[in-house]
Every structure is written in structure tokens, then in C-alpha cells.
């Protein structure tokens, strides 16, 4: 599956219609972002059940601000409309695959139950 470009206009639809979304926040001038892009694209081909999305932080400053992106590249993982991971840094392929597996292994019902208790 090719990477979906996320914008403020389509963000809600993409996240609400998909159970698992990974977002790469990047900018064209960012060398680490450009170096990470091929790895991100390659890994996206291994996971047809996940939407791999990208946000151009220059064009979508409001969306980047909503995720409190202060350094790029930043990856965010959303499952069941809940952000479960958001950290800066370009990951090697194996580490990205490990992150995806860890995200798959999370019991979302338990996570939401714990979050409700804390609220």
C-alpha cells in the first residue's frame, strides 16, 4: 500500500475509518526525513492492514502542532483512534518492524479501560 498524504482536511476521515495508522511527520528540507522515507515505504509494503501516512510539517503546521511535533522525523502510531506512540527519530527497518509488532500486541480494550480509570 502506498503512503497516504495526511492533511487537516482528511485526517479525521483517515483515522476514523482505519483501525491502525502510522504517521511520519517530515519536511522536504530535513535530511534525516529524506533518508528515512525509503525505509518507511519499504516497511509499508509488508503491512496491508495498516495505513502508512505522512504529514508534510511545512504544509500542515496545524496538524504537526496538534501532535506537538518539535523534531522531525517524528513517528506516531494510532490504534482505534488512540495515539499509542509518538516519538521523534528515524528508525532502522528492524526497529520499525519491532515497533509495529509491539503496537499490534497492545490490548486496546485494556488500555482504554485503564485510561478511563485515570480520567
PDB file of N, CA and C in Angstrom:
ATOM      1  N   UNK A   1       0.852  -1.181   0.000  1.00  0.00           N
ATOM      2  CA  UNK A   1       0.000   0.000   0.000  1.00  0.00           C
ATOM      3  C   UNK A   1       0.890   1.233   0.000  1.00  0.00           C
ATOM      4  N   UNK A   2       0.563   2.185  -0.831  1.00  0.00           N
ATOM      5  CA  UNK A   2       1.367   3.402  -0.865  1.00  0.00           C
ATOM      6  C   UNK A   2       1.008   4.301   0.319  1.00  0.00           C
ATOM      7  N   UNK A   3       1.902   5.196   0.620  1.00  0.00           N
ATOM      8  CA  UNK A   3       1.709   6.105   1.741  1.00  0.00           C
ATOM      9  C   UNK A   3       0.634   7.131   1.407  1.00  0.00           C
ATOM     10  N   UNK A   4      -0.234   7.383   2.371  1.00  0.00           N
ATOM     11  CA  UNK A   4      -1.325   8.343   2.232  1.00  0.00           C
ATOM     12  C   UNK A   4      -0.845   9.693   2.757  1.00  0.00           C
ATOM     13  N   UNK A   5      -1.094  10.742   2.006  1.00  0.00           N
ATOM     14  CA  UNK A   5      -0.750  12.080   2.479  1.00  0.00           C
ATOM     15  C   UNK A   5      -1.861  12.578   3.391  1.00  0.00           C
ATOM     16  N   UNK A   6      -1.509  12.866   4.649  1.00  0.00           N
ATOM     17  CA  UNK A   6      -2.495  13.369   5.596  1.00  0.00           C
ATOM     18  C   UNK A   6      -2.482  14.886   5.604  1.00  0.00           C
ATOM     19  N   UNK A   7      -3.671  15.441   5.641  1.00  0.00           N
ATOM     20  CA  UNK A   7      -3.849  16.883   5.743  1.00  0.00           C
ATOM     21  C   UNK A   7      -4.900  17.146   6.816  1.00  0.00           C
ATOM     22  N   UNK A   8      -5.054  18.396   7.188  1.00  0.00           N
ATOM     23  CA  UNK A   8      -6.099  18.741   8.141  1.00  0.00           C
ATOM     24  C   UNK A   8      -7.469  18.361   7.581  1.00  0.00           C
ATOM     25  N   UNK A   9      -7.608  18.412   6.263  1.00  0.00           N
ATOM     26  CA  UNK A   9      -8.893  18.117   5.625  1.00  0.00           C
ATOM     27  C   UNK A   9      -9.256  16.639   5.660  1.00  0.00           C
ATOM     28  N   UNK A  10      -8.279  15.728   5.583  1.00  0.00           N
ATOM     29  CA  UNK A  10      -8.621  14.305   5.526  1.00  0.00           C
ATOM     30  C   UNK A  10      -8.219  13.523   6.778  1.00  0.00           C
ATOM     31  N   UNK A  11      -7.608  14.180   7.735  1.00  0.00           N
ATOM     32  CA  UNK A  11      -7.101  13.486   8.919  1.00  0.00           C
ATOM     33  C   UNK A  11      -8.200  12.706   9.648  1.00  0.00           C
ATOM     34  N   UNK A  12      -9.286  13.370  10.009  1.00  0.00           N
ATOM     35  CA  UNK A  12     -10.349  12.712  10.776  1.00  0.00           C
ATOM     36  C   UNK A  12     -10.903  11.499  10.043  1.00  0.00           C
ATOM     37  N   UNK A  13     -11.106  11.632   8.745  1.00  0.00           N
ATOM     38  CA  UNK A  13     -11.650  10.524   7.958  1.00  0.00           C
ATOM     39  C   UNK A  13     -10.689   9.337   7.951  1.00  0.00           C
ATOM     40  N   UNK A  14      -9.417   9.589   7.698  1.00  0.00           N
ATOM     41  CA  UNK A  14      -8.430   8.500   7.626  1.00  0.00           C
ATOM     42  C   UNK A  14      -8.333   7.782   8.969  1.00  0.00           C
ATOM     43  N   UNK A  15      -8.259   8.531  10.054  1.00  0.00           N
ATOM     44  CA  UNK A  15      -8.103   7.923  11.374  1.00  0.00           C
ATOM     45  C   UNK A  15      -9.378   7.209  11.817  1.00  0.00           C
ATOM     46  N   UNK A  16     -10.536   7.768  11.525  1.00  0.00           N
ATOM     47  CA  UNK A  16     -11.783   7.135  11.968  1.00  0.00           C
ATOM     48  C   UNK A  16     -12.148   5.909  11.140  1.00  0.00           C
ATOM     49  N   UNK A  17     -11.693   5.841   9.899  1.00  0.00           N
ATOM     50  CA  UNK A  17     -12.047   4.720   9.029  1.00  0.00           C
ATOM     51  C   UNK A  17     -11.019   3.587   9.048  1.00  0.00           C
ATOM     52  N   UNK A  18      -9.932   3.749   9.808  1.00  0.00           N
ATOM     53  CA  UNK A  18      -8.883   2.736   9.849  1.00  0.00           C
ATOM     54  C   UNK A  18      -8.480   2.447  11.292  1.00  0.00           C
ATOM     55  N   UNK A  19      -8.341   1.170  11.617  1.00  0.00           N
ATOM     56  CA  UNK A  19      -8.019   0.774  12.980  1.00  0.00           C
ATOM     57  C   UNK A  19      -6.563   1.014  13.355  1.00  0.00           C
ATOM     58  N   UNK A  20      -5.688   1.084  12.357  1.00  0.00           N
ATOM     59  CA  UNK A  20      -4.247   1.135  12.631  1.00  0.00           C
ATOM     60  C   UNK A  20      -3.624   2.102  11.629  1.00  0.00           C
ATOM     61  N   UNK A  21      -3.083   3.205  12.133  1.00  0.00           N
ATOM     62  CA  UNK A  21      -2.474   4.220  11.275  1.00  0.00           C
ATOM     63  C   UNK A  21      -1.111   4.589  11.856  1.00  0.00           C
ATOM     64  N   UNK A  22      -0.107   4.629  10.985  1.00  0.00           N
ATOM     65  CA  UNK A  22       1.223   5.101  11.381  1.00  0.00           C
ATOM     66  C   UNK A  22       1.502   6.362  10.580  1.00  0.00           C
ATOM     67  N   UNK A  23       1.938   7.402  11.275  1.00  0.00           N
ATOM     68  CA  UNK A  23       2.153   8.698  10.633  1.00  0.00           C
ATOM     69  C   UNK A  23       3.621   9.086  10.729  1.00  0.00           C
ATOM     70  N   UNK A  24       4.171   9.473   9.590  1.00  0.00           N
ATOM     71  CA  UNK A  24       5.529  10.003   9.515  1.00  0.00           C
ATOM     72  C   UNK A  24       5.422  11.507   9.307  1.00  0.00           C
ATOM     73  N   UNK A  25       5.850  12.287  10.292  1.00  0.00           N
ATOM     74  CA  UNK A  25       5.898  13.747  10.172  1.00  0.00           C
ATOM     75  C   UNK A  25       7.273  14.107   9.618  1.00  0.00           C
ATOM     76  N   UNK A  26       7.319  14.851   8.529  1.00  0.00           N
ATOM     77  CA  UNK A  26       8.566  15.119   7.824  1.00  0.00           C
ATOM     78  C   UNK A  26       8.531  16.518   7.198  1.00  0.00           C
ATOM     79  N   UNK A  27       9.650  16.910   6.629  1.00  0.00           N
ATOM     80  CA  UNK A  27       9.748  18.146   5.833  1.00  0.00           C
ATOM     81  C   UNK A  27      10.779  17.916   4.730  1.00  0.00           C
ATOM     82  N   UNK A  28      10.576  18.567   3.608  1.00  0.00           N
ATOM     83  CA  UNK A  28      11.445  18.388   2.454  1.00  0.00           C
ATOM     84  C   UNK A  28      12.890  18.791   2.693  1.00  0.00           C
ATOM     85  N   UNK A  29      13.122  19.747   3.565  1.00  0.00           N
ATOM     86  CA  UNK A  29      14.480  20.215   3.837  1.00  0.00           C
ATOM     87  C   UNK A  29      15.227  19.333   4.843  1.00  0.00           C
ATOM     88  N   UNK A  30      14.523  18.377   5.448  1.00  0.00           N
ATOM     89  CA  UNK A  30      15.078  17.548   6.526  1.00  0.00           C
ATOM     90  C   UNK A  30      15.801  16.329   5.954  1.00  0.00           C
ATOM     91  N   UNK A  31      17.126  16.314   6.047  1.00  0.00           N
ATOM     92  CA  UNK A  31      17.912  15.200   5.503  1.00  0.00           C
ATOM     93  C   UNK A  31      17.573  13.868   6.188  1.00  0.00           C
ATOM     94  N   UNK A  32      17.475  13.796   7.530  1.00  0.00           N
ATOM     95  CA  UNK A  32      17.086  12.521   8.145  1.00  0.00           C
ATOM     96  C   UNK A  32      15.704  12.045   7.670  1.00  0.00           C
ATOM     97  N   UNK A  33      14.806  12.973   7.409  1.00  0.00           N
ATOM     98  CA  UNK A  33      13.475  12.611   6.897  1.00  0.00           C
ATOM     99  C   UNK A  33      13.603  11.958   5.526  1.00  0.00           C
ATOM    100  N   UNK A  34      14.406  12.557   4.676  1.00  0.00           N
ATOM    101  CA  UNK A  34      14.579  12.019   3.320  1.00  0.00           C
ATOM    102  C   UNK A  34      15.292  10.667   3.348  1.00  0.00           C
ATOM    103  N   UNK A  35      16.200  10.486   4.300  1.00  0.00           N
ATOM    104  CA  UNK A  35      16.901   9.207   4.426  1.00  0.00           C
ATOM    105  C   UNK A  35      15.971   8.121   4.970  1.00  0.00           C
ATOM    106  N   UNK A  36      15.026   8.502   5.819  1.00  0.00           N
ATOM    107  CA  UNK A  36      14.096   7.551   6.411  1.00  0.00           C
ATOM    108  C   UNK A  36      12.974   7.156   5.447  1.00  0.00           C
ATOM    109  N   UNK A  37      12.626   8.001   4.515  1.00  0.00           N
ATOM    110  CA  UNK A  37      11.488   7.765   3.617  1.00  0.00           C
ATOM    111  C   UNK A  37      11.525   6.409   2.907  1.00  0.00           C
ATOM    112  N   UNK A  38      12.655   5.977   2.326  1.00  0.00           N
ATOM    113  CA  UNK A  38      12.664   4.665   1.666  1.00  0.00           C
ATOM    114  C   UNK A  38      12.402   3.502   2.633  1.00  0.00           C
ATOM    115  N   UNK A  39      12.898   3.603   3.850  1.00  0.00           N
ATOM    116  CA  UNK A  39      12.644   2.562   4.854  1.00  0.00           C
ATOM    117  C   UNK A  39      11.162   2.519   5.189  1.00  0.00           C
ATOM    118  N   UNK A  40      10.578   3.677   5.375  1.00  0.00           N
ATOM    119  CA  UNK A  40       9.147   3.779   5.702  1.00  0.00           C
ATOM    120  C   UNK A  40       8.305   3.171   4.578  1.00  0.00           C
ATOM    121  N   UNK A  41       8.648   3.510   3.342  1.00  0.00           N
ATOM    122  CA  UNK A  41       7.915   2.961   2.183  1.00  0.00           C
ATOM    123  C   UNK A  41       8.082   1.447   2.100  1.00  0.00           C
ATOM    124  N   UNK A  42       9.293   0.962   2.324  1.00  0.00           N
ATOM    125  CA  UNK A  42       9.551  -0.475   2.240  1.00  0.00           C
ATOM    126  C   UNK A  42       8.736  -1.230   3.284  1.00  0.00           C
ATOM    127  N   UNK A  43       8.757  -0.760   4.513  1.00  0.00           N
ATOM    128  CA  UNK A  43       8.024  -1.428   5.591  1.00  0.00           C
ATOM    129  C   UNK A  43       6.519  -1.356   5.338  1.00  0.00           C
ATOM    130  N   UNK A  44       6.057  -0.265   4.756  1.00  0.00           N
ATOM    131  CA  UNK A  44       4.613  -0.145   4.478  1.00  0.00           C
ATOM    132  C   UNK A  44       4.133  -1.269   3.559  1.00  0.00           C
ATOM    133  N   UNK A  45       5.000  -1.750   2.688  1.00  0.00           N
ATOM    134  CA  UNK A  45       4.648  -2.831   1.781  1.00  0.00           C
ATOM    135  C   UNK A  45       4.471  -4.171   2.477  1.00  0.00           C
ATOM    136  N   UNK A  46       4.950  -4.276   3.715  1.00  0.00           N
ATOM    137  CA  UNK A  46       4.839  -5.519   4.472  1.00  0.00           C
ATOM    138  C   UNK A  46       3.560  -5.618   5.298  1.00  0.00           C
ATOM    139  N   UNK A  47       2.761  -4.546   5.322  1.00  0.00           N
ATOM    140  CA  UNK A  47       1.617  -4.493   6.241  1.00  0.00           C
ATOM    141  C   UNK A  47       0.389  -3.902   5.542  1.00  0.00           C
ATOM    142  N   UNK A  48      -0.330  -4.740   4.835  1.00  0.00           N
ATOM    143  CA  UNK A  48      -1.506  -4.274   4.095  1.00  0.00           C
ATOM    144  C   UNK A  48      -2.646  -3.819   5.002  1.00  0.00           C
ATOM    145  N   UNK A  49      -2.633  -4.239   6.259  1.00  0.00           N
ATOM    146  CA  UNK A  49      -3.715  -3.892   7.176  1.00  0.00           C
ATOM    147  C   UNK A  49      -3.472  -2.579   7.918  1.00  0.00           C
ATOM    148  N   UNK A  50      -2.352  -1.932   7.650  1.00  0.00           N
ATOM    149  CA  UNK A  50      -2.010  -0.677   8.319  1.00  0.00           C
ATOM    150  C   UNK A  50      -1.971   0.441   7.286  1.00  0.00           C
ATOM    151  N   UNK A  51      -2.521   1.597   7.650  1.00  0.00           N
ATOM    152  CA  UNK A  51      -2.391   2.774   6.796  1.00  0.00           C
ATOM    153  C   UNK A  51      -1.113   3.493   7.197  1.00  0.00           C
ATOM    154  N   UNK A  52      -0.200   3.614   6.256  1.00  0.00           N
ATOM    155  CA  UNK A  52       1.025   4.383   6.455  1.00  0.00           C
ATOM    156  C   UNK A  52       0.766   5.759   5.856  1.00  0.00           C
ATOM    157  N   UNK A  53       0.868   6.770   6.695  1.00  0.00           N
ATOM    158  CA  UNK A  53       0.540   8.126   6.271  1.00  0.00           C
ATOM    159  C   UNK A  53       1.738   9.038   6.494  1.00  0.00           C
ATOM    160  N   UNK A  54       1.727  10.154   5.807  1.00  0.00           N
ATOM    161  CA  UNK A  54       2.789  11.138   6.001  1.00  0.00           C
ATOM    162  C   UNK A  54       2.176  12.526   6.118  1.00  0.00           C
ATOM    163  N   UNK A  55       2.839  13.345   6.909  1.00  0.00           N
ATOM    164  CA  UNK A  55       2.413  14.734   7.099  1.00  0.00           C
ATOM    165  C   UNK A  55       3.609  15.627   6.804  1.00  0.00           C
ATOM    166  N   UNK A  56       3.459  16.464   5.800  1.00  0.00           N
ATOM    167  CA  UNK A  56       4.468  17.481   5.490  1.00  0.00           C
ATOM    168  C   UNK A  56       4.284  18.597   6.518  1.00  0.00           C
ATOM    169  N   UNK A  57       5.205  18.690   7.464  1.00  0.00           N
ATOM    170  CA  UNK A  57       5.055  19.641   8.564  1.00  0.00           C
ATOM    171  C   UNK A  57       5.092  21.091   8.109  1.00  0.00           C
ATOM    172  N   UNK A  58       5.682  21.350   6.957  1.00  0.00           N
ATOM    173  CA  UNK A  58       5.698  22.718   6.425  1.00  0.00           C
ATOM    174  C   UNK A  58       4.308  23.108   5.912  1.00  0.00           C
ATOM    175  N   UNK A  59       3.646  22.189   5.228  1.00  0.00           N
ATOM    176  CA  UNK A  59       2.329  22.464   4.658  1.00  0.00           C
ATOM    177  C   UNK A  59       1.208  22.298   5.684  1.00  0.00           C
ATOM    178  N   UNK A  60       1.427  21.429   6.663  1.00  0.00           N
ATOM    179  CA  UNK A  60       0.389  21.105   7.645  1.00  0.00           C
ATOM    180  C   UNK A  60       0.857  21.436   9.062  1.00  0.00           C
ATOM    181  N   UNK A  61       1.178  22.717   9.268  1.00  0.00           N
ATOM    182  CA  UNK A  61       1.717  23.142  10.553  1.00  0.00           C
ATOM    183  C   UNK A  61       0.735  22.935  11.703  1.00  0.00           C
ATOM    184  N   UNK A  62      -0.549  23.122  11.430  1.00  0.00           N
ATOM    185  CA  UNK A  62      -1.564  22.951  12.465  1.00  0.00           C
ATOM    186  C   UNK A  62      -1.642  21.483  12.912  1.00  0.00           C
ATOM    187  N   UNK A  63      -1.554  20.566  11.966  1.00  0.00           N
ATOM    188  CA  UNK A  63      -1.586  19.137  12.275  1.00  0.00           C
ATOM    189  C   UNK A  63      -0.334  18.730  13.053  1.00  0.00           C
ATOM    190  N   UNK A  64       0.808  19.234  12.647  1.00  0.00           N
ATOM    191  CA  UNK A  64       2.055  18.956  13.372  1.00  0.00           C
ATOM    192  C   UNK A  64       1.971  19.503  14.799  1.00  0.00           C
ATOM    193  N   UNK A  65       1.394  20.672  14.950  1.00  0.00           N
ATOM    194  CA  UNK A  65       1.246  21.268  16.279  1.00  0.00           C
ATOM    195  C   UNK A  65       0.297  20.445  17.148  1.00  0.00           C
ATOM    196  N   UNK A  66      -0.741  19.899  16.551  1.00  0.00           N
ATOM    197  CA  UNK A  66      -1.696  19.080  17.305  1.00  0.00           C
ATOM    198  C   UNK A  66      -1.015  17.848  17.900  1.00  0.00           C
ATOM    199  N   UNK A  67       0.035  17.356  17.236  1.00  0.00           N
ATOM    200  CA  UNK A  67       0.795  16.210  17.738  1.00  0.00           C
ATOM    201  C   UNK A  67       2.027  16.653  18.512  1.00  0.00           C
ATOM    202  N   UNK A  68       2.172  17.962  18.715  1.00  0.00           N
ATOM    203  CA  UNK A  68       3.292  18.522  19.454  1.00  0.00           C
ATOM    204  C   UNK A  68       4.638  18.098  18.859  1.00  0.00           C
ATOM    205  N   UNK A  69       4.698  18.095  17.523  1.00  0.00           N
ATOM    206  CA  UNK A  69       5.927  17.722  16.827  1.00  0.00           C
ATOM    207  C   UNK A  69       6.936  18.863  16.965  1.00  0.00           C
ATOM    208  N   UNK A  70       8.066  18.560  17.591  1.00  0.00           N
ATOM    209  CA  UNK A  70       9.114  19.550  17.804  1.00  0.00           C
ATOM    210  C   UNK A  70      10.398  19.183  17.090  1.00  0.00           C
ATOM    211  N   UNK A  71      10.484  17.946  16.631  1.00  0.00           N
ATOM    212  CA  UNK A  71      11.660  17.450  15.936  1.00  0.00           C
ATOM    213  C   UNK A  71      11.183  16.475  14.867  1.00  0.00           C
ATOM    214  N   UNK A  72      11.851  16.496  13.720  1.00  0.00           N
ATOM    215  CA  UNK A  72      11.453  15.589  12.645  1.00  0.00           C
ATOM    216  C   UNK A  72      12.658  14.801  12.167  1.00  0.00           C
ATOM    217  N   UNK A  73      12.428  13.607  11.679  1.00  0.00           N
ATOM    218  CA  UNK A  73      11.125  12.963  11.547  1.00  0.00           C
ATOM    219  C   UNK A  73      10.573  12.544  12.910  1.00  0.00           C
ATOM    220  N   UNK A  74       9.256  12.534  13.003  1.00  0.00           N
ATOM    221  CA  UNK A  74       8.553  12.005  14.168  1.00  0.00           C
ATOM    222  C   UNK A  74       7.562  10.971  13.674  1.00  0.00           C
ATOM    223  N   UNK A  75       7.493   9.849  14.380  1.00  0.00           N
ATOM    224  CA  UNK A  75       6.504   8.815  14.066  1.00  0.00           C
ATOM    225  C   UNK A  75       5.424   8.816  15.126  1.00  0.00           C
ATOM    226  N   UNK A  76       4.192   8.642  14.687  1.00  0.00           N
ATOM    227  CA  UNK A  76       3.061   8.478  15.598  1.00  0.00           C
ATOM    228  C   UNK A  76       2.311   7.219  15.182  1.00  0.00           C
ATOM    229  N   UNK A  77       1.875   6.451  16.159  1.00  0.00           N
ATOM    230  CA  UNK A  77       1.098   5.243  15.912  1.00  0.00           C
ATOM    231  C   UNK A  77      -0.269   5.434  16.548  1.00  0.00           C
ATOM    232  N   UNK A  78      -1.308   5.213  15.753  1.00  0.00           N
ATOM    233  CA  UNK A  78      -2.682   5.353  16.227  1.00  0.00           C
ATOM    234  C   UNK A  78      -3.394   4.024  16.025  1.00  0.00           C
ATOM    235  N   UNK A  79      -3.964   3.510  17.115  1.00  0.00           N
ATOM    236  CA  UNK A  79      -4.800   2.309  17.028  1.00  0.00           C
ATOM    237  C   UNK A  79      -6.144   2.644  17.634  1.00  0.00           C
ATOM    238  N   UNK A  80      -7.191   2.261  16.946  1.00  0.00           N
ATOM    239  CA  UNK A  80      -8.560   2.501  17.436  1.00  0.00           C
ATOM    240  C   UNK A  80      -8.740   3.956  17.859  1.00  0.00           C
ATOM    241  N   UNK A  81      -8.244   4.866  17.048  1.00  0.00           N
ATOM    242  CA  UNK A  81      -8.356   6.304  17.244  1.00  0.00           C
ATOM    243  C   UNK A  81      -7.672   6.797  18.520  1.00  0.00           C
ATOM    244  N   UNK A  82      -6.681   6.029  18.992  1.00  0.00           N
ATOM    245  CA  UNK A  82      -5.930   6.390  20.187  1.00  0.00           C
ATOM    246  C   UNK A  82      -4.443   6.428  19.837  1.00  0.00           C
ATOM    247  N   UNK A  83      -3.790   7.539  20.164  1.00  0.00           N
ATOM    248  CA  UNK A  83      -2.346   7.637  19.933  1.00  0.00           C
ATOM    249  C   UNK A  83      -1.649   6.791  20.989  1.00  0.00           C
ATOM    250  N   UNK A  84      -0.918   5.773  20.541  1.00  0.00           N
ATOM    251  CA  UNK A  84      -0.229   4.887  21.475  1.00  0.00           C
ATOM    252  C   UNK A  84       1.287   5.069  21.438  1.00  0.00           C
ATOM    253  N   UNK A  85       1.766   5.863  20.475  1.00  0.00           N
ATOM    254  CA  UNK A  85       3.203   6.100  20.366  1.00  0.00           C
ATOM    255  C   UNK A  85       3.409   7.378  19.573  1.00  0.00           C
ATOM    256  N   UNK A  86       4.311   8.208  20.027  1.00  0.00           N
ATOM    257  CA  UNK A  86       4.702   9.403  19.274  1.00  0.00           C
ATOM    258  C   UNK A  86       6.091   9.819  19.751  1.00  0.00           C
ATOM    259  N   UNK A  87       7.088   9.587  18.899  1.00  0.00           N
ATOM    260  CA  UNK A  87       8.470   9.895  19.257  1.00  0.00           C
ATOM    261  C   UNK A  87       9.227  10.372  18.016  1.00  0.00           C
ATOM    262  N   UNK A  88      10.151  11.308  18.202  1.00  0.00           N
ATOM    263  CA  UNK A  88      10.994  11.714  17.080  1.00  0.00           C
ATOM    264  C   UNK A  88      12.088  10.697  16.820  1.00  0.00           C
ATOM    265  N   UNK A  89      12.576  10.711  15.603  1.00  0.00           N
ATOM    266  CA  UNK A  89      13.721   9.883  15.248  1.00  0.00           C
ATOM    267  C   UNK A  89      13.442   8.972  14.077  1.00  0.00           C
ATOM    268  N   UNK A  90      14.423   8.876  13.193  1.00  0.00           N
ATOM    269  CA  UNK A  90      14.350   7.938  12.065  1.00  0.00           C
ATOM    270  C   UNK A  90      14.760   6.570  12.578  1.00  0.00           C
ATOM    271  N   UNK A  91      13.931   5.579  12.309  1.00  0.00           N
ATOM    272  CA  UNK A  91      14.192   4.231  12.809  1.00  0.00           C
ATOM    273  C   UNK A  91      14.759   3.342  11.706  1.00  0.00           C
ATOM    274  N   UNK A  92      15.680   2.451  12.060  1.00  0.00           N
ATOM    275  CA  UNK A  92      16.107   1.438  11.100  1.00  0.00           C
ATOM    276  C   UNK A  92      14.934   0.489  10.831  1.00  0.00           C
ATOM    277  N   UNK A  93      15.001  -0.221   9.720  1.00  0.00           N
ATOM    278  CA  UNK A  93      13.906  -1.105   9.313  1.00  0.00           C
ATOM    279  C   UNK A  93      13.514  -2.091  10.415  1.00  0.00           C
ATOM    280  N   UNK A  94      14.477  -2.772  11.007  1.00  0.00           N
ATOM    281  CA  UNK A  94      14.174  -3.770  12.035  1.00  0.00           C
ATOM    282  C   UNK A  94      13.488  -3.132  13.237  1.00  0.00           C
ATOM    283  N   UNK A  95      13.926  -1.967  13.647  1.00  0.00           N
ATOM    284  CA  UNK A  95      13.329  -1.279  14.791  1.00  0.00           C
ATOM    285  C   UNK A  95      11.901  -0.849  14.476  1.00  0.00           C
ATOM    286  N   UNK A  96      11.668  -0.380  13.257  1.00  0.00           N
ATOM    287  CA  UNK A  96      10.313  -0.012  12.852  1.00  0.00           C
ATOM    288  C   UNK A  96       9.408  -1.236  12.855  1.00  0.00           C
ATOM    289  N   UNK A  97       9.903  -2.354  12.352  1.00  0.00           N
ATOM    290  CA  UNK A  97       9.120  -3.596  12.375  1.00  0.00           C
ATOM    291  C   UNK A  97       8.824  -4.025  13.818  1.00  0.00           C
ATOM    292  N   UNK A  98       9.807  -3.880  14.703  1.00  0.00           N
ATOM    293  CA  UNK A  98       9.599  -4.209  16.118  1.00  0.00           C
ATOM    294  C   UNK A  98       8.536  -3.299  16.738  1.00  0.00           C
ATOM    295  N   UNK A  99       8.584  -2.018  16.428  1.00  0.00           N
ATOM    296  CA  UNK A  99       7.588  -1.068  16.923  1.00  0.00           C
ATOM    297  C   UNK A  99       6.187  -1.468  16.461  1.00  0.00           C
ATOM    298  N   UNK A 100       6.068  -1.852  15.205  1.00  0.00           N
ATOM    299  CA  UNK A 100       4.769  -2.268  14.670  1.00  0.00           C
ATOM    300  C   UNK A 100       4.269  -3.502  15.411  1.00  0.00           C
ATOM    301  N   UNK A 101       5.144  -4.463  15.661  1.00  0.00           N
ATOM    302  CA  UNK A 101       4.730  -5.668  16.390  1.00  0.00           C
ATOM    303  C   UNK A 101       4.299  -5.324  17.810  1.00  0.00           C
ATOM    304  N   UNK A 102       5.038  -4.452  18.462  1.00  0.00           N
ATOM    305  CA  UNK A 102       4.656  -4.033  19.817  1.00  0.00           C
ATOM    306  C   UNK A 102       3.290  -3.346  19.803  1.00  0.00           C
ATOM    307  N   UNK A 103       3.047  -2.524  18.795  1.00  0.00           N
ATOM    308  CA  UNK A 103       1.750  -1.846  18.675  1.00  0.00           C
ATOM    309  C   UNK A 103       0.632  -2.861  18.432  1.00  0.00           C
ATOM    310  N   UNK A 104       0.907  -3.877  17.629  1.00  0.00           N
ATOM    311  CA  UNK A 104      -0.084  -4.941  17.380  1.00  0.00           C
ATOM    312  C   UNK A 104      -0.413  -5.698  18.673  1.00  0.00           C
ATOM    313  N   UNK A 105       0.592  -5.880  19.531  1.00  0.00           N
ATOM    314  CA  UNK A 105       0.436  -6.686  20.734  1.00  0.00           C
ATOM    315  C   UNK A 105      -0.321  -5.980  21.858  1.00  0.00           C
ATOM    316  N   UNK A 106      -0.513  -4.696  21.753  1.00  0.00           N
ATOM    317  CA  UNK A 106      -1.201  -3.949  22.810  1.00  0.00           C
ATOM    318  C   UNK A 106      -2.673  -4.362  22.868  1.00  0.00           C
ATOM    319  N   UNK A 107      -3.143  -4.644  24.065  1.00  0.00           N
ATOM    320  CA  UNK A 107      -4.557  -4.932  24.301  1.00  0.00           C
ATOM    321  C   UNK A 107      -5.277  -3.588  24.408  1.00  0.00           C
ATOM    322  N   UNK A 108      -5.913  -3.174  23.315  1.00  0.00           N
ATOM    323  CA  UNK A 108      -6.527  -1.850  23.264  1.00  0.00           C
ATOM    324  C   UNK A 108      -7.697  -1.713  24.238  1.00  0.00           C
ATOM    325  N   UNK A 109      -8.447  -2.780  24.453  1.00  0.00           N
ATOM    326  CA  UNK A 109      -9.558  -2.716  25.422  1.00  0.00           C
ATOM    327  C   UNK A 109      -9.017  -2.428  26.818  1.00  0.00           C
ATOM    328  N   UNK A 110      -7.950  -3.116  27.182  1.00  0.00           N
ATOM    329  CA  UNK A 110      -7.340  -2.904  28.492  1.00  0.00           C
ATOM    330  C   UNK A 110      -6.765  -1.490  28.594  1.00  0.00           C
ATOM    331  N   UNK A 111      -6.112  -1.034  27.537  1.00  0.00           N
ATOM    332  CA  UNK A 111      -5.533   0.311  27.524  1.00  0.00           C
ATOM    333  C   UNK A 111      -6.610   1.376  27.716  1.00  0.00           C
ATOM    334  N   UNK A 112      -7.722   1.233  26.993  1.00  0.00           N
ATOM    335  CA  UNK A 112      -8.820   2.214  27.115  1.00  0.00           C
ATOM    336  C   UNK A 112      -9.460   2.146  28.495  1.00  0.00           C
ATOM    337  N   UNK A 113      -9.565   0.933  29.042  1.00  0.00           N
ATOM    338  CA  UNK A 113     -10.132   0.762  30.386  1.00  0.00           C
ATOM    339  C   UNK A 113      -9.261   1.467  31.418  1.00  0.00           C
ATOM    340  N   UNK A 114      -7.947   1.309  31.313  1.00  0.00           N
ATOM    341  CA  UNK A 114      -7.019   1.965  32.243  1.00  0.00           C
ATOM    342  C   UNK A 114      -7.060   3.476  32.093  1.00  0.00           C
ATOM    343  N   UNK A 115      -7.159   3.945  30.854  1.00  0.00           N
ATOM    344  CA  UNK A 115      -7.240   5.382  30.611  1.00  0.00           C
ATOM    345  C   UNK A 115      -8.525   5.963  31.198  1.00  0.00           C
ATOM    346  N   UNK A 116      -9.628   5.222  31.112  1.00  0.00           N
ATOM    347  CA  UNK A 116     -10.899   5.684  31.661  1.00  0.00           C
ATOM    348  C   UNK A 116     -10.829   5.781  33.179  1.00  0.00           C
ATOM    349  N   UNK A 117     -10.120   4.854  33.825  1.00  0.00           N
ATOM    350  CA  UNK A 117      -9.962   4.879  35.275  1.00  0.00           C
ATOM    351  C   UNK A 117      -9.188   6.117  35.717  1.00  0.00           C
ATOM    352  N   UNK A 118      -8.166   6.481  34.905  1.00  0.00           N
ATOM    353  CA  UNK A 118      -7.331   7.630  35.250  1.00  0.00           C
ATOM    354  C   UNK A 118      -8.037   8.963  35.019  1.00  0.00           C
ATOM    355  N   UNK A 119      -9.027   8.953  34.141  1.00  0.00           N
ATOM    356  CA  UNK A 119      -9.711  10.208  33.785  1.00  0.00           C
ATOM    357  C   UNK A 119     -10.742  10.633  34.785  1.00  0.00           C
TER     358      UNK A 119
END
